[in-house]
Amino acid sequence: MPDRTLMVVGLIGIVVSSLMLIGALLAINLPLFIAAIVVTGFGQGLAFMAGMRALTAVTPPEQRANVTTSYFVVGYLSISIPSIATGLIAHPLGLVTATVIAAAVFAALAFLGLPLTKRVRTA
């Protein structure tokens, strides 16, 4: 499957799973919560993998180690910083409210990222 398609499916998965998470938290629905976690892993995994494939396809072999390392650093920061921020706002707002806010932000960012997939070059 082309990288762009994988990215689009992954980003849609992140949008859908974020909305599922919000619904699960507000409805206190454990099965929906578990389903949201599964869809999140699927969406994030596809988007991350497709990004890595697209990046290595256009990177000269002698620069792949540096580019791959940078990709992982940005990836881990992209996971860590929102988690820390959610934890910081959880104290004054409550865990459910903080998680709903974070999920809404993730859904919005993934949705806004969809048009950017048009810029993905194929190998």
Foldseek 3Di string as FASTA:
>chain_A
DALLVLQLQLLVLLLVLLVLCLVCLVVVPVVSNVVSVVSNCSSVVSNLVSVLVLVVVPDPPVCNVVVVVVSVVVVVCVVPVLVVVLVVVCVVPNNSVSSNVSSVVSNVVSVVCSVVSVVRDTD
